[in-house]
Amino acid sequence: MNIQWYDWVGIVGTLMVLFAYYLLQAGRLHGNGLLYQLLNLFGAAGVLASLYGKFNIAVCLLMVVWLVISVYGLARTLKGGGAPKTPTP
């Protein structure tokens, strides 16, 4: 088994996304928190980098959208609009 640099980057990226999801489910992070957004952003970027070795259009599409959503969430969090709005009766 010959693991290249892009494989390692993809593994780390995958672990970041999974770790963010675990922390969210465990109640240790909020979905609108800075750490959650950064883990998803860098995780998706890492998985995208791993496609350098063997391209996969489905994974590419998923990770590009994941990255865009993460940037959107990060922008909302940084400008203070990350907290969910409660509906008024």
PDB file of N, CA and C in Angstrom:
ATOM      1  N   MET A   1       0.857  -1.178   0.000  1.00  0.00           N
ATOM      2  CA  MET A   1       0.000   0.000   0.000  1.00  0.00           C
ATOM      3  C   MET A   1       0.900   1.238   0.000  1.00  0.00           C
ATOM      4  N   ASN A   2       0.712   2.077  -1.017  1.00  0.00           N
ATOM      5  CA  ASN A   2       1.519   3.273  -1.161  1.00  0.00           C
ATOM      6  C   ASN A   2       0.631   4.499  -0.934  1.00  0.00           C
ATOM      7  N   ILE A   3       0.742   5.106   0.225  1.00  0.00           N
ATOM      8  CA  ILE A   3      -0.091   6.265   0.561  1.00  0.00           C
ATOM      9  C   ILE A   3       0.685   7.537   0.241  1.00  0.00           C
ATOM     10  N   GLN A   4       0.087   8.373  -0.593  1.00  0.00           N
ATOM     11  CA  GLN A   4       0.687   9.629  -1.018  1.00  0.00           C
ATOM     12  C   GLN A   4       0.258  10.767  -0.092  1.00  0.00           C
ATOM     13  N   TRP A   5       0.871  11.941  -0.266  1.00  0.00           N
ATOM     14  CA  TRP A   5       0.560  13.100   0.569  1.00  0.00           C
ATOM     15  C   TRP A   5      -0.919  13.470   0.478  1.00  0.00           C
ATOM     16  N   TYR A   6      -1.503  13.388  -0.720  1.00  0.00           N
ATOM     17  CA  TYR A   6      -2.902  13.771  -0.886  1.00  0.00           C
ATOM     18  C   TYR A   6      -3.844  12.780  -0.203  1.00  0.00           C
ATOM     19  N   ASP A   7      -3.398  11.527  -0.068  1.00  0.00           N
ATOM     20  CA  ASP A   7      -4.186  10.559   0.690  1.00  0.00           C
ATOM     21  C   ASP A   7      -4.227  10.946   2.167  1.00  0.00           C
ATOM     22  N   TRP A   8      -3.071  11.333   2.702  1.00  0.00           N
ATOM     23  CA  TRP A   8      -3.003  11.748   4.108  1.00  0.00           C
ATOM     24  C   TRP A   8      -3.842  12.990   4.354  1.00  0.00           C
ATOM     25  N   VAL A   9      -3.786  13.941   3.423  1.00  0.00           N
ATOM     26  CA  VAL A   9      -4.594  15.161   3.550  1.00  0.00           C
ATOM     27  C   VAL A   9      -6.077  14.805   3.531  1.00  0.00           C
ATOM     28  N   GLY A  10      -6.466  13.887   2.659  1.00  0.00           N
ATOM     29  CA  GLY A  10      -7.863  13.450   2.593  1.00  0.00           C
ATOM     30  C   GLY A  10      -8.317  12.720   3.842  1.00  0.00           C
ATOM     31  N   ILE A  11      -7.432  11.898   4.401  1.00  0.00           N
ATOM     32  CA  ILE A  11      -7.762  11.189   5.645  1.00  0.00           C
ATOM     33  C   ILE A  11      -7.965  12.180   6.780  1.00  0.00           C
ATOM     34  N   VAL A  12      -7.062  13.141   6.900  1.00  0.00           N
ATOM     35  CA  VAL A  12      -7.197  14.163   7.950  1.00  0.00           C
ATOM     36  C   VAL A  12      -8.475  14.970   7.729  1.00  0.00           C
ATOM     37  N   GLY A  13      -8.762  15.328   6.473  1.00  0.00           N
ATOM     38  CA  GLY A  13      -9.990  16.068   6.170  1.00  0.00           C
ATOM     39  C   GLY A  13     -11.232  15.287   6.546  1.00  0.00           C
ATOM     40  N   THR A  14     -11.244  14.017   6.209  1.00  0.00           N
ATOM     41  CA  THR A  14     -12.383  13.158   6.568  1.00  0.00           C
ATOM     42  C   THR A  14     -12.553  13.087   8.077  1.00  0.00           C
ATOM     43  N   LEU A  15     -11.454  12.920   8.792  1.00  0.00           N
ATOM     44  CA  LEU A  15     -11.520  12.859  10.253  1.00  0.00           C
ATOM     45  C   LEU A  15     -12.012  14.173  10.850  1.00  0.00           C
ATOM     46  N   MET A  16     -11.643  15.293  10.232  1.00  0.00           N
ATOM     47  CA  MET A  16     -12.116  16.596  10.732  1.00  0.00           C
ATOM     48  C   MET A  16     -13.629  16.717  10.584  1.00  0.00           C
ATOM     49  N   VAL A  17     -14.147  16.334   9.417  1.00  0.00           N
ATOM     50  CA  VAL A  17     -15.594  16.418   9.192  1.00  0.00           C
ATOM     51  C   VAL A  17     -16.334  15.473  10.146  1.00  0.00           C
ATOM     52  N   LEU A  18     -15.836  14.269  10.284  1.00  0.00           N
ATOM     53  CA  LEU A  18     -16.473  13.305  11.186  1.00  0.00           C
ATOM     54  C   LEU A  18     -16.389  13.743  12.642  1.00  0.00           C
ATOM     55  N   PHE A  19     -15.260  14.308  13.035  1.00  0.00           N
ATOM     56  CA  PHE A  19     -15.088  14.783  14.406  1.00  0.00           C
ATOM     57  C   PHE A  19     -16.051  15.941  14.690  1.00  0.00           C
ATOM     58  N   ALA A  20     -16.211  16.848  13.728  1.00  0.00           N
ATOM     59  CA  ALA A  20     -17.157  17.954  13.891  1.00  0.00           C
ATOM     60  C   ALA A  20     -18.572  17.418  14.067  1.00  0.00           C
ATOM     61  N   TYR A  21     -18.922  16.436  13.264  1.00  0.00           N
ATOM     62  CA  TYR A  21     -20.264  15.849  13.355  1.00  0.00           C
ATOM     63  C   TYR A  21     -20.464  15.141  14.691  1.00  0.00           C
ATOM     64  N   TYR A  22     -19.449  14.407  15.121  1.00  0.00           N
ATOM     65  CA  TYR A  22     -19.527  13.736  16.424  1.00  0.00           C
ATOM     66  C   TYR A  22     -19.718  14.762  17.546  1.00  0.00           C
ATOM     67  N   LEU A  23     -18.903  15.813  17.545  1.00  0.00           N
ATOM     68  CA  LEU A  23     -19.011  16.828  18.597  1.00  0.00           C
ATOM     69  C   LEU A  23     -20.371  17.511  18.584  1.00  0.00           C
ATOM     70  N   LEU A  24     -20.923  17.718  17.393  1.00  0.00           N
ATOM     71  CA  LEU A  24     -22.257  18.303  17.282  1.00  0.00           C
ATOM     72  C   LEU A  24     -23.298  17.368  17.892  1.00  0.00           C
ATOM     73  N   GLN A  25     -23.239  16.082  17.542  1.00  0.00           N
ATOM     74  CA  GLN A  25     -24.201  15.110  18.054  1.00  0.00           C
ATOM     75  C   GLN A  25     -24.044  14.888  19.559  1.00  0.00           C
ATOM     76  N   ALA A  26     -22.825  15.013  20.056  1.00  0.00           N
ATOM     77  CA  ALA A  26     -22.557  14.827  21.483  1.00  0.00           C
ATOM     78  C   ALA A  26     -22.915  16.069  22.299  1.00  0.00           C
ATOM     79  N   GLY A  27     -23.321  17.134  21.626  1.00  0.00           N
ATOM     80  CA  GLY A  27     -23.691  18.359  22.325  1.00  0.00           C
ATOM     81  C   GLY A  27     -22.492  19.174  22.791  1.00  0.00           C
ATOM     82  N   ARG A  28     -21.308  18.899  22.250  1.00  0.00           N
ATOM     83  CA  ARG A  28     -20.092  19.620  22.648  1.00  0.00           C
ATOM     84  C   ARG A  28     -19.852  20.857  21.795  1.00  0.00           C
ATOM     85  N   LEU A  29     -20.487  20.916  20.630  1.00  0.00           N
ATOM     86  CA  LEU A  29     -20.381  22.064  19.726  1.00  0.00           C
ATOM     87  C   LEU A  29     -21.776  22.447  19.266  1.00  0.00           C
ATOM     88  N   HIS A  30     -21.893  23.705  18.858  1.00  0.00           N
ATOM     89  CA  HIS A  30     -23.125  24.172  18.237  1.00  0.00           C
ATOM     90  C   HIS A  30     -22.876  24.277  16.746  1.00  0.00           C
ATOM     91  N   GLY A  31     -23.889  24.022  15.958  1.00  0.00           N
ATOM     92  CA  GLY A  31     -23.760  24.063  14.509  1.00  0.00           C
ATOM     93  C   GLY A  31     -23.415  25.433  13.970  1.00  0.00           C
ATOM     94  N   ASN A  32     -23.618  26.467  14.751  1.00  0.00           N
ATOM     95  CA  ASN A  32     -23.294  27.816  14.304  1.00  0.00           C
ATOM     96  C   ASN A  32     -22.008  28.336  14.945  1.00  0.00           C
ATOM     97  N   GLY A  33     -21.266  27.464  15.609  1.00  0.00           N
ATOM     98  CA  GLY A  33     -20.030  27.878  16.269  1.00  0.00           C
ATOM     99  C   GLY A  33     -18.847  27.932  15.315  1.00  0.00           C
ATOM    100  N   LEU A  34     -17.875  28.738  15.664  1.00  0.00           N
ATOM    101  CA  LEU A  34     -16.697  28.935  14.827  1.00  0.00           C
ATOM    102  C   LEU A  34     -15.905  27.641  14.624  1.00  0.00           C
ATOM    103  N   LEU A  35     -15.677  26.887  15.673  1.00  0.00           N
ATOM    104  CA  LEU A  35     -14.899  25.654  15.549  1.00  0.00           C
ATOM    105  C   LEU A  35     -15.595  24.651  14.627  1.00  0.00           C
ATOM    106  N   TYR A  36     -16.887  24.513  14.762  1.00  0.00           N
ATOM    107  CA  TYR A  36     -17.648  23.597  13.896  1.00  0.00           C
ATOM    108  C   TYR A  36     -17.504  24.000  12.434  1.00  0.00           C
ATOM    109  N   GLN A  37     -17.641  25.291  12.162  1.00  0.00           N
ATOM    110  CA  GLN A  37     -17.523  25.777  10.789  1.00  0.00           C
ATOM    111  C   GLN A  37     -16.122  25.550  10.230  1.00  0.00           C
ATOM    112  N   LEU A  38     -15.098  25.813  11.043  1.00  0.00           N
ATOM    113  CA  LEU A  38     -13.720  25.638  10.581  1.00  0.00           C
ATOM    114  C   LEU A  38     -13.375  24.173  10.345  1.00  0.00           C
ATOM    115  N   LEU A  39     -13.835  23.288  11.221  1.00  0.00           N
ATOM    116  CA  LEU A  39     -13.589  21.865  11.019  1.00  0.00           C
ATOM    117  C   LEU A  39     -14.207  21.389   9.705  1.00  0.00           C
ATOM    118  N   ASN A  40     -15.405  21.845   9.412  1.00  0.00           N
ATOM    119  CA  ASN A  40     -16.064  21.475   8.165  1.00  0.00           C
ATOM    120  C   ASN A  40     -15.373  22.090   6.954  1.00  0.00           C
ATOM    121  N   LEU A  41     -14.967  23.339   7.060  1.00  0.00           N
ATOM    122  CA  LEU A  41     -14.301  24.019   5.955  1.00  0.00           C
ATOM    123  C   LEU A  41     -12.978  23.341   5.593  1.00  0.00           C
ATOM    124  N   PHE A  42     -12.110  23.159   6.575  1.00  0.00           N
ATOM    125  CA  PHE A  42     -10.814  22.557   6.312  1.00  0.00           C
ATOM    126  C   PHE A  42     -10.926  21.063   6.021  1.00  0.00           C
ATOM    127  N   GLY A  43     -11.917  20.419   6.613  1.00  0.00           N
ATOM    128  CA  GLY A  43     -12.151  19.012   6.321  1.00  0.00           C
ATOM    129  C   GLY A  43     -12.546  18.803   4.865  1.00  0.00           C
ATOM    130  N   ALA A  44     -13.486  19.609   4.388  1.00  0.00           N
ATOM    131  CA  ALA A  44     -13.916  19.507   2.991  1.00  0.00           C
ATOM    132  C   ALA A  44     -12.768  19.838   2.045  1.00  0.00           C
ATOM    133  N   ALA A  45     -11.961  20.838   2.397  1.00  0.00           N
ATOM    134  CA  ALA A  45     -10.803  21.192   1.562  1.00  0.00           C
ATOM    135  C   ALA A  45      -9.814  20.032   1.504  1.00  0.00           C
ATOM    136  N   GLY A  46      -9.630  19.350   2.617  1.00  0.00           N
ATOM    137  CA  GLY A  46      -8.726  18.203   2.646  1.00  0.00           C
ATOM    138  C   GLY A  46      -9.211  17.060   1.777  1.00  0.00           C
ATOM    139  N   VAL A  47     -10.500  16.796   1.834  1.00  0.00           N
ATOM    140  CA  VAL A  47     -11.057  15.733   0.992  1.00  0.00           C
ATOM    141  C   VAL A  47     -10.934  16.121  -0.482  1.00  0.00           C
ATOM    142  N   LEU A  48     -11.174  17.392  -0.801  1.00  0.00           N
ATOM    143  CA  LEU A  48     -10.999  17.844  -2.179  1.00  0.00           C
ATOM    144  C   LEU A  48      -9.558  17.666  -2.644  1.00  0.00           C
ATOM    145  N   ALA A  49      -8.601  17.983  -1.773  1.00  0.00           N
ATOM    146  CA  ALA A  49      -7.185  17.817  -2.130  1.00  0.00           C
ATOM    147  C   ALA A  49      -6.864  16.351  -2.415  1.00  0.00           C
ATOM    148  N   SER A  50      -7.534  15.446  -1.723  1.00  0.00           N
ATOM    149  CA  SER A  50      -7.265  14.020  -1.925  1.00  0.00           C
ATOM    150  C   SER A  50      -7.682  13.555  -3.321  1.00  0.00           C
ATOM    151  N   LEU A  51      -8.556  14.303  -3.969  1.00  0.00           N
ATOM    152  CA  LEU A  51      -9.007  13.936  -5.309  1.00  0.00           C
ATOM    153  C   LEU A  51      -7.925  14.156  -6.356  1.00  0.00           C
ATOM    154  N   TYR A  52      -6.840  14.793  -5.963  1.00  0.00           N
ATOM    155  CA  TYR A  52      -5.697  14.967  -6.856  1.00  0.00           C
ATOM    156  C   TYR A  52      -5.167  13.612  -7.322  1.00  0.00           C
ATOM    157  N   GLY A  53      -5.197  12.637  -6.421  1.00  0.00           N
ATOM    158  CA  GLY A  53      -4.699  11.302  -6.740  1.00  0.00           C
ATOM    159  C   GLY A  53      -5.626  10.502  -7.621  1.00  0.00           C
ATOM    160  N   LYS A  54      -6.899  10.522  -7.319  1.00  0.00           N
ATOM    161  CA  LYS A  54      -7.888   9.794  -8.118  1.00  0.00           C
ATOM    162  C   LYS A  54      -9.184  10.590  -8.070  1.00  0.00           C
ATOM    163  N   PHE A  55      -9.516  11.210  -9.181  1.00  0.00           N
ATOM    164  CA  PHE A  55     -10.680  12.088  -9.239  1.00  0.00           C
ATOM    165  C   PHE A  55     -11.975  11.291  -9.199  1.00  0.00           C
ATOM    166  N   ASN A  56     -12.947  11.851  -8.482  1.00  0.00           N
ATOM    167  CA  ASN A  56     -14.278  11.261  -8.380  1.00  0.00           C
ATOM    168  C   ASN A  56     -15.271  12.412  -8.425  1.00  0.00           C
ATOM    169  N   ILE A  57     -16.072  12.493  -9.467  1.00  0.00           N
ATOM    170  CA  ILE A  57     -16.972  13.623  -9.665  1.00  0.00           C
ATOM    171  C   ILE A  57     -18.010  13.747  -8.549  1.00  0.00           C
ATOM    172  N   ALA A  58     -18.522  12.636  -8.056  1.00  0.00           N
ATOM    173  CA  ALA A  58     -19.539  12.682  -6.998  1.00  0.00           C
ATOM    174  C   ALA A  58     -18.949  13.255  -5.710  1.00  0.00           C
ATOM    175  N   VAL A  59     -17.774  12.801  -5.336  1.00  0.00           N
ATOM    176  CA  VAL A  59     -17.129  13.312  -4.123  1.00  0.00           C
ATOM    177  C   VAL A  59     -16.748  14.775  -4.319  1.00  0.00           C
ATOM    178  N   CYS A  60     -16.281  15.111  -5.508  1.00  0.00           N
ATOM    179  CA  CYS A  60     -15.922  16.499  -5.803  1.00  0.00           C
ATOM    180  C   CYS A  60     -17.134  17.415  -5.638  1.00  0.00           C
ATOM    181  N   LEU A  61     -18.247  17.041  -6.223  1.00  0.00           N
ATOM    182  CA  LEU A  61     -19.471  17.841  -6.115  1.00  0.00           C
ATOM    183  C   LEU A  61     -19.901  17.986  -4.656  1.00  0.00           C
ATOM    184  N   LEU A  62     -19.903  16.881  -3.933  1.00  0.00           N
ATOM    185  CA  LEU A  62     -20.293  16.910  -2.526  1.00  0.00           C
ATOM    186  C   LEU A  62     -19.396  17.844  -1.716  1.00  0.00           C
ATOM    187  N   MET A  63     -18.094  17.744  -1.913  1.00  0.00           N
ATOM    188  CA  MET A  63     -17.159  18.542  -1.124  1.00  0.00           C
ATOM    189  C   MET A  63     -17.142  20.015  -1.529  1.00  0.00           C
ATOM    190  N   VAL A  64     -17.381  20.307  -2.804  1.00  0.00           N
ATOM    191  CA  VAL A  64     -17.476  21.708  -3.221  1.00  0.00           C
ATOM    192  C   VAL A  64     -18.689  22.361  -2.562  1.00  0.00           C
ATOM    193  N   VAL A  65     -19.822  21.665  -2.586  1.00  0.00           N
ATOM    194  CA  VAL A  65     -21.029  22.200  -1.938  1.00  0.00           C
ATOM    195  C   VAL A  65     -20.814  22.299  -0.429  1.00  0.00           C
ATOM    196  N   TRP A  66     -20.177  21.302   0.173  1.00  0.00           N
ATOM    197  CA  TRP A  66     -19.884  21.306   1.606  1.00  0.00           C
ATOM    198  C   TRP A  66     -19.012  22.511   1.955  1.00  0.00           C
ATOM    199  N   LEU A  67     -18.028  22.786   1.107  1.00  0.00           N
ATOM    200  CA  LEU A  67     -17.125  23.913   1.303  1.00  0.00           C
ATOM    201  C   LEU A  67     -17.877  25.233   1.198  1.00  0.00           C
ATOM    202  N   VAL A  68     -18.732  25.370   0.197  1.00  0.00           N
ATOM    203  CA  VAL A  68     -19.506  26.601   0.013  1.00  0.00           C
ATOM    204  C   VAL A  68     -20.433  26.839   1.206  1.00  0.00           C
ATOM    205  N   ILE A  69     -21.100  25.801   1.650  1.00  0.00           N
ATOM    206  CA  ILE A  69     -21.992  25.941   2.810  1.00  0.00           C
ATOM    207  C   ILE A  69     -21.181  26.304   4.058  1.00  0.00           C
ATOM    208  N   SER A  70     -20.006  25.725   4.204  1.00  0.00           N
ATOM    209  CA  SER A  70     -19.150  26.043   5.349  1.00  0.00           C
ATOM    210  C   SER A  70     -18.697  27.493   5.318  1.00  0.00           C
ATOM    211  N   VAL A  71     -18.351  27.998   4.144  1.00  0.00           N
ATOM    212  CA  VAL A  71     -17.958  29.408   4.013  1.00  0.00           C
ATOM    213  C   VAL A  71     -19.138  30.309   4.362  1.00  0.00           C
ATOM    214  N   TYR A  72     -20.327  29.946   3.887  1.00  0.00           N
ATOM    215  CA  TYR A  72     -21.533  30.708   4.218  1.00  0.00           C
ATOM    216  C   TYR A  72     -21.772  30.724   5.732  1.00  0.00           C
ATOM    217  N   GLY A  73     -21.697  29.554   6.356  1.00  0.00           N
ATOM    218  CA  GLY A  73     -21.893  29.475   7.804  1.00  0.00           C
ATOM    219  C   GLY A  73     -20.834  30.233   8.567  1.00  0.00           C
ATOM    220  N   LEU A  74     -19.593  30.154   8.110  1.00  0.00           N
ATOM    221  CA  LEU A  74     -18.499  30.878   8.752  1.00  0.00           C
ATOM    222  C   LEU A  74     -18.726  32.386   8.649  1.00  0.00           C
ATOM    223  N   ALA A  75     -19.141  32.853   7.485  1.00  0.00           N
ATOM    224  CA  ALA A  75     -19.416  34.285   7.301  1.00  0.00           C
ATOM    225  C   ALA A  75     -20.538  34.744   8.224  1.00  0.00           C
ATOM    226  N   ARG A  76     -21.588  33.936   8.332  1.00  0.00           N
ATOM    227  CA  ARG A  76     -22.698  34.284   9.249  1.00  0.00           C
ATOM    228  C   ARG A  76     -22.222  34.315  10.690  1.00  0.00           C
ATOM    229  N   THR A  77     -21.406  33.331  11.060  1.00  0.00           N
ATOM    230  CA  THR A  77     -20.916  33.266  12.431  1.00  0.00           C
ATOM    231  C   THR A  77     -20.041  34.470  12.741  1.00  0.00           C
ATOM    232  N   LEU A  78     -19.150  34.813  11.834  1.00  0.00           N
ATOM    233  CA  LEU A  78     -18.222  35.921  12.073  1.00  0.00           C
ATOM    234  C   LEU A  78     -18.911  37.277  12.109  1.00  0.00           C
ATOM    235  N   LYS A  79     -19.994  37.419  11.364  1.00  0.00           N
ATOM    236  CA  LYS A  79     -20.689  38.715  11.405  1.00  0.00           C
ATOM    237  C   LYS A  79     -21.763  38.747  12.496  1.00  0.00           C
ATOM    238  N   GLY A  80     -21.876  37.670  13.260  1.00  0.00           N
ATOM    239  CA  GLY A  80     -22.779  37.667  14.407  1.00  0.00           C
ATOM    240  C   GLY A  80     -24.177  37.177  14.103  1.00  0.00           C
ATOM    241  N   GLY A  81     -24.411  36.670  12.915  1.00  0.00           N
ATOM    242  CA  GLY A  81     -25.741  36.206  12.559  1.00  0.00           C
ATOM    243  C   GLY A  81     -25.866  34.696  12.600  1.00  0.00           C
ATOM    244  N   GLY A  82     -24.945  34.032  13.294  1.00  0.00           N
ATOM    245  CA  GLY A  82     -24.936  32.588  13.300  1.00  0.00           C
ATOM    246  C   GLY A  82     -25.994  31.952  14.180  1.00  0.00           C
ATOM    247  N   ALA A  83     -26.496  32.685  15.153  1.00  0.00           N
ATOM    248  CA  ALA A  83     -27.487  32.110  16.057  1.00  0.00           C
ATOM    249  C   ALA A  83     -28.819  31.954  15.326  1.00  0.00           C
ATOM    250  N   PRO A  84     -29.451  30.788  15.502  1.00  0.00           N
ATOM    251  CA  PRO A  84     -30.736  30.584  14.835  1.00  0.00           C
ATOM    252  C   PRO A  84     -31.795  31.543  15.367  1.00  0.00           C
ATOM    253  N   LYS A  85     -32.632  31.994  14.474  1.00  0.00           N
ATOM    254  CA  LYS A  85     -33.707  32.900  14.873  1.00  0.00           C
ATOM    255  C   LYS A  85     -34.907  32.068  15.325  1.00  0.00           C
ATOM    256  N   THR A  86     -35.509  32.486  16.432  1.00  0.00           N
ATOM    257  CA  THR A  86     -36.693  31.791  16.913  1.00  0.00           C
ATOM    258  C   THR A  86     -37.917  32.454  16.302  1.00  0.00           C
ATOM    259  N   PRO A  87     -38.835  31.649  15.809  1.00  0.00           N
ATOM    260  CA  PRO A  87     -40.030  32.231  15.201  1.00  0.00           C
ATOM    261  C   PRO A  87     -40.886  32.930  16.242  1.00  0.00           C
ATOM    262  N   THR A  88     -41.493  34.020  15.846  1.00  0.00           N
ATOM    263  CA  THR A  88     -42.388  34.736  16.753  1.00  0.00           C
ATOM    264  C   THR A  88     -43.811  34.293  16.474  1.00  0.00           C
ATOM    265  N   PRO A  89     -44.576  34.094  17.540  1.00  0.00           N
ATOM    266  CA  PRO A  89     -45.966  33.622  17.350  1.00  0.00           C
ATOM    267  C   PRO A  89     -46.876  34.668  16.782  1.00  0.00           C
TER     268      PRO A  89
END
